[in-house]
Amino acid sequence: MDIVTGVGVLDKAVNVLRAVAERPRSLAALQTATGLPRATAHRLAVALETHGLLRRDEEGRFDLGPELASLGREAAARFPLAEIALPVIESLRDQTGESAQLFVREGHSRRCVLSLQSPHALRWIVPEGVLFPLDVGSAGRVLGGETSASGWIASVEEREPGVASVSAPVRGPDGDVAAAVSVSGPVERMSRQPGRVFGARVVAAARTVEDRLAADG
């Protein structure tokens, strides 16, 4: 999702990072994903590589760099929600066998602050730190204020073909939605009614995160 700050070179560099966060990319694939001219995409990617924010994989594609890991650890230390939720998201991933995430709202978008991958070879990978829109996907709808009697919201192929998800809100002490707990994976395993399969577990995980937040506060 493109975000425009008015600082052109920064916006372009961040778009390069986000494109690579989705998957490692060759220069041609990076150019296609960002819509940047080839020379611009190359210049920015090489500059980000110099700063350690990108690196080259064994196939010569641009991938996320080690400096991002260092910055991510520091950010996590300063953002305790992810640390508090980690054992709960780990348990949810293990119980369901699917990828599990924690999202927070950021303006008109949602940020993935915690993402644990399914052990299956076929899985849906959400990179930590990635920014998605609020108007599609179960987590976006939860953070956008949508509610249901069941306590969970499900989506099937709303943002990506072949992917289903179930999310539930994590509410802070003031009752406002602080985050969304999610499970996501291929429709062939999640089914076209993923809430019936995973909804109760996702809601239980969200309530546990709430309890841990309250105890920490």
Protein backbone atom coordinates (compact mmCIF):
# COMPACT_ATOMS: atom_id res chain seq x y z
CA MET A 1 0.00 0.00 0.00
CA ASP A 2 1.54 3.29 -1.09
CA ILE A 3 1.67 6.10 1.46
CA VAL A 4 2.64 9.57 0.25
CA THR A 5 4.41 11.89 2.69
CA GLY A 6 5.50 14.51 0.20
CA VAL A 7 9.15 13.52 0.60
CA GLY A 8 9.49 11.84 -2.77
CA VAL A 9 12.74 9.95 -2.38
CA LEU A 10 11.69 8.64 1.04
CA ASP A 11 8.32 7.46 -0.27
CA LYS A 12 10.03 5.64 -3.13
CA ALA A 13 12.60 4.02 -0.86
CA VAL A 14 9.92 2.82 1.54
CA ASN A 15 7.92 1.40 -1.36
CA VAL A 16 11.03 -0.54 -2.39
CA LEU A 17 11.36 -1.92 1.14
CA ARG A 18 7.69 -2.91 1.26
CA ALA A 19 7.90 -4.63 -2.10
CA VAL A 20 10.87 -6.67 -0.93
CA ALA A 21 9.13 -7.37 2.40
CA GLU A 22 6.46 -9.26 0.45
CA ARG A 23 9.06 -11.50 -1.20
CA PRO A 24 12.65 -11.37 -2.50
CA ARG A 25 12.68 -9.63 -5.88
CA SER A 26 14.96 -9.32 -8.87
CA LEU A 27 15.50 -5.82 -10.20
CA ALA A 28 12.90 -6.41 -12.92
CA ALA A 29 10.37 -7.70 -10.39
CA LEU A 30 11.13 -4.78 -8.08
CA GLN A 31 10.55 -2.34 -10.91
CA THR A 32 7.21 -3.99 -11.70
CA ALA A 33 6.10 -4.06 -8.07
CA THR A 34 6.93 -0.42 -7.36
CA GLY A 35 6.20 1.13 -10.76
CA LEU A 36 9.52 2.95 -10.57
CA PRO A 37 11.83 3.45 -13.56
CA ARG A 38 14.48 0.74 -13.71
CA ALA A 39 17.33 3.15 -12.97
CA THR A 40 15.49 4.61 -9.96
CA ALA A 41 14.59 1.20 -8.54
CA HIS A 42 18.20 0.07 -8.94
CA ARG A 43 19.65 3.22 -7.37
CA LEU A 44 17.37 3.04 -4.34
CA ALA A 45 17.81 -0.71 -3.84
CA VAL A 46 21.60 -0.44 -3.97
CA ALA A 47 21.55 2.50 -1.55
CA LEU A 48 19.35 0.53 0.86
CA GLU A 49 21.72 -2.41 0.48
CA THR A 50 24.65 -0.17 1.40
CA HIS A 51 22.85 0.79 4.62
CA GLY A 52 22.16 -2.88 5.41
CA LEU A 53 18.41 -2.48 4.97
CA LEU A 54 18.47 -4.76 1.92
CA ARG A 55 20.82 -7.58 0.90
CA ARG A 56 21.23 -9.96 -2.05
CA ASP A 57 20.17 -13.58 -1.66
CA GLU A 58 21.88 -16.56 -3.25
CA GLU A 59 19.98 -15.92 -6.49
CA GLY A 60 21.00 -12.27 -6.62
CA ARG A 61 17.54 -11.01 -5.68
CA PHE A 62 17.03 -8.15 -3.27
CA ASP A 63 15.90 -9.35 0.16
CA LEU A 64 15.51 -7.77 3.59
CA GLY A 65 18.81 -6.85 5.22
CA PRO A 66 20.31 -7.48 8.67
CA GLU A 67 20.01 -3.87 9.78
CA LEU A 68 16.22 -4.24 9.65
CA ALA A 69 16.46 -7.13 12.11
CA SER A 70 18.47 -4.97 14.49
CA LEU A 71 16.03 -2.09 14.19
CA GLY A 72 13.12 -4.48 14.57
CA ARG A 73 14.47 -5.85 17.83
CA GLU A 74 14.89 -2.35 19.17
CA ALA A 75 11.39 -1.38 18.05
CA ALA A 76 9.96 -4.50 19.68
CA ALA A 77 11.67 -3.64 22.96
CA ARG A 78 9.99 -0.23 22.87
CA PHE A 79 6.60 -1.63 21.86
CA PRO A 80 5.63 -4.07 24.65
CA LEU A 81 2.31 -5.20 23.13
CA ALA A 82 4.09 -7.55 20.73
CA GLU A 83 6.19 -9.05 23.53
CA ILE A 84 3.14 -9.48 25.76
CA ALA A 85 1.20 -11.18 22.95
CA LEU A 86 4.02 -13.40 21.65
CA PRO A 87 3.34 -16.56 23.74
CA VAL A 88 -0.38 -16.28 22.97
CA ILE A 89 0.22 -15.96 19.22
CA GLU A 90 2.67 -18.85 19.38
CA SER A 91 0.04 -21.01 21.08
CA LEU A 92 -2.60 -19.99 18.53
CA ARG A 93 -0.25 -20.91 15.68
CA ASP A 94 0.45 -24.29 17.28
CA GLN A 95 -3.23 -25.02 18.01
CA THR A 96 -4.45 -24.15 14.53
CA GLY A 97 -1.45 -25.17 12.46
CA GLU A 98 -1.87 -21.92 10.50
CA SER A 99 0.02 -18.64 10.42
CA ALA A 100 -0.93 -16.26 13.23
CA GLN A 101 -0.50 -12.50 13.45
CA LEU A 102 -1.05 -9.45 15.62
CA PHE A 103 -2.05 -6.19 13.88
CA VAL A 104 -2.41 -2.64 15.18
CA ARG A 105 -4.06 0.33 13.54
CA GLU A 106 -1.81 2.98 12.07
CA GLY A 107 -3.82 5.88 10.64
CA HIS A 108 -5.95 4.54 7.83
CA SER A 109 -3.88 1.35 7.63
CA ARG A 110 -2.94 -1.65 9.75
CA ARG A 111 0.55 -2.70 10.70
CA CYS A 112 1.61 -6.29 11.36
CA VAL A 113 3.66 -6.18 14.56
CA LEU A 114 3.90 -9.93 15.13
CA SER A 115 3.79 -12.76 12.59
CA LEU A 116 4.44 -16.46 13.16
CA GLN A 117 4.44 -18.81 10.20
CA SER A 118 2.54 -22.06 9.81
CA PRO A 119 4.65 -25.24 9.80
CA HIS A 120 2.97 -26.31 6.53
CA ALA A 121 4.94 -26.02 3.31
CA LEU A 122 1.92 -24.28 1.75
CA ARG A 123 1.31 -21.27 3.96
CA TRP A 124 0.42 -17.59 3.91
CA ILE A 125 3.36 -15.44 5.01
CA VAL A 126 2.74 -11.96 6.39
CA PRO A 127 6.03 -10.09 6.95
CA GLU A 128 6.33 -8.32 10.29
CA GLY A 129 6.17 -4.58 9.79
CA VAL A 130 4.13 -4.74 6.60
CA LEU A 131 1.34 -2.20 6.17
CA PHE A 132 -2.06 -3.23 4.79
CA PRO A 133 -5.29 -1.28 4.20
CA LEU A 134 -8.12 -1.31 6.72
CA ASP A 135 -10.93 -1.87 4.27
CA VAL A 136 -10.05 -5.43 3.23
CA GLY A 137 -9.14 -8.49 5.25
CA SER A 138 -10.57 -9.59 8.58
CA ALA A 139 -7.94 -7.81 10.71
CA GLY A 140 -8.48 -4.55 8.85
CA ARG A 141 -12.21 -4.76 9.37
CA VAL A 142 -11.74 -5.50 13.08
CA LEU A 143 -9.42 -2.53 13.52
CA GLY A 144 -11.81 -0.43 11.46
CA GLY A 145 -14.53 -1.01 14.06
CA GLU A 146 -16.58 -3.84 12.55
CA THR A 147 -18.11 -6.11 15.17
CA SER A 148 -20.10 -9.33 15.27
CA ALA A 149 -22.07 -11.31 17.82
CA SER A 150 -19.57 -14.16 17.52
CA GLY A 151 -16.66 -11.93 18.48
CA TRP A 152 -14.73 -12.71 15.30
CA ILE A 153 -14.65 -11.47 11.71
CA ALA A 154 -13.75 -13.77 8.81
CA SER A 155 -12.65 -12.99 5.27
CA VAL A 156 -12.14 -15.18 2.22
CA GLU A 157 -10.04 -13.97 -0.69
CA GLU A 158 -10.73 -10.30 0.12
CA ARG A 159 -7.17 -9.06 -0.22
CA GLU A 160 -5.36 -12.00 -1.82
CA PRO A 161 -6.75 -14.85 -3.97
CA GLY A 162 -6.67 -18.21 -2.24
CA VAL A 163 -6.24 -16.78 1.28
CA ALA A 164 -8.72 -16.82 4.17
CA SER A 165 -8.42 -15.32 7.62
CA VAL A 166 -10.19 -14.93 10.95
CA SER A 167 -9.56 -12.06 13.37
CA ALA A 168 -10.78 -10.89 16.76
CA PRO A 169 -10.26 -7.59 18.60
CA VAL A 170 -7.97 -7.05 21.56
CA ARG A 171 -9.45 -4.32 23.72
CA GLY A 172 -7.50 -2.15 26.10
CA PRO A 173 -8.61 -1.16 29.61
CA ASP A 174 -10.62 1.72 28.13
CA GLY A 175 -12.61 -0.66 25.93
CA ASP A 176 -11.13 0.62 22.68
CA VAL A 177 -9.70 -1.84 20.16
CA ALA A 178 -5.93 -1.90 20.70
CA ALA A 179 -5.04 -4.69 18.26
CA ALA A 180 -6.38 -7.58 16.21
CA VAL A 181 -5.37 -11.22 16.60
CA SER A 182 -5.52 -13.15 13.33
CA VAL A 183 -5.11 -16.58 11.82
CA SER A 184 -4.59 -16.82 8.07
CA GLY A 185 -3.86 -19.50 5.52
CA PRO A 186 -4.84 -21.16 2.25
CA VAL A 187 -8.57 -21.47 1.62
CA GLU A 188 -8.16 -25.17 0.92
CA ARG A 189 -7.26 -25.71 4.59
CA MET A 190 -9.05 -22.76 6.21
CA SER A 191 -12.24 -23.52 4.20
CA ARG A 192 -14.64 -20.93 2.85
CA GLN A 193 -16.13 -20.59 6.34
CA PRO A 194 -12.95 -20.16 8.37
CA GLY A 195 -14.76 -18.59 11.30
CA ARG A 196 -16.58 -21.83 12.05
CA VAL A 197 -13.28 -23.68 12.16
CA PHE A 198 -11.01 -21.17 13.91
CA GLY A 199 -13.21 -18.38 15.27
CA ALA A 200 -13.50 -19.62 18.85
CA ARG A 201 -9.76 -20.14 19.18
CA VAL A 202 -8.97 -16.70 17.78
CA VAL A 203 -11.43 -15.05 20.17
CA ALA A 204 -9.96 -16.99 23.11
CA ALA A 205 -6.46 -15.88 22.11
CA ALA A 206 -7.58 -12.24 21.89
CA ARG A 207 -9.13 -12.45 25.37
CA THR A 208 -5.90 -13.93 26.73
CA VAL A 209 -3.91 -11.05 25.27
CA GLU A 210 -6.37 -8.66 26.91
CA ASP A 211 -5.82 -10.34 30.26
CA ARG A 212 -2.04 -10.14 29.86
CA LEU A 213 -2.30 -6.46 28.93
CA ALA A 214 -4.40 -5.75 32.00
CA ALA A 215 -1.96 -7.62 34.25
CA ASP A 216 0.99 -5.76 32.73
CA GLY A 217 -0.69 -2.41 33.23
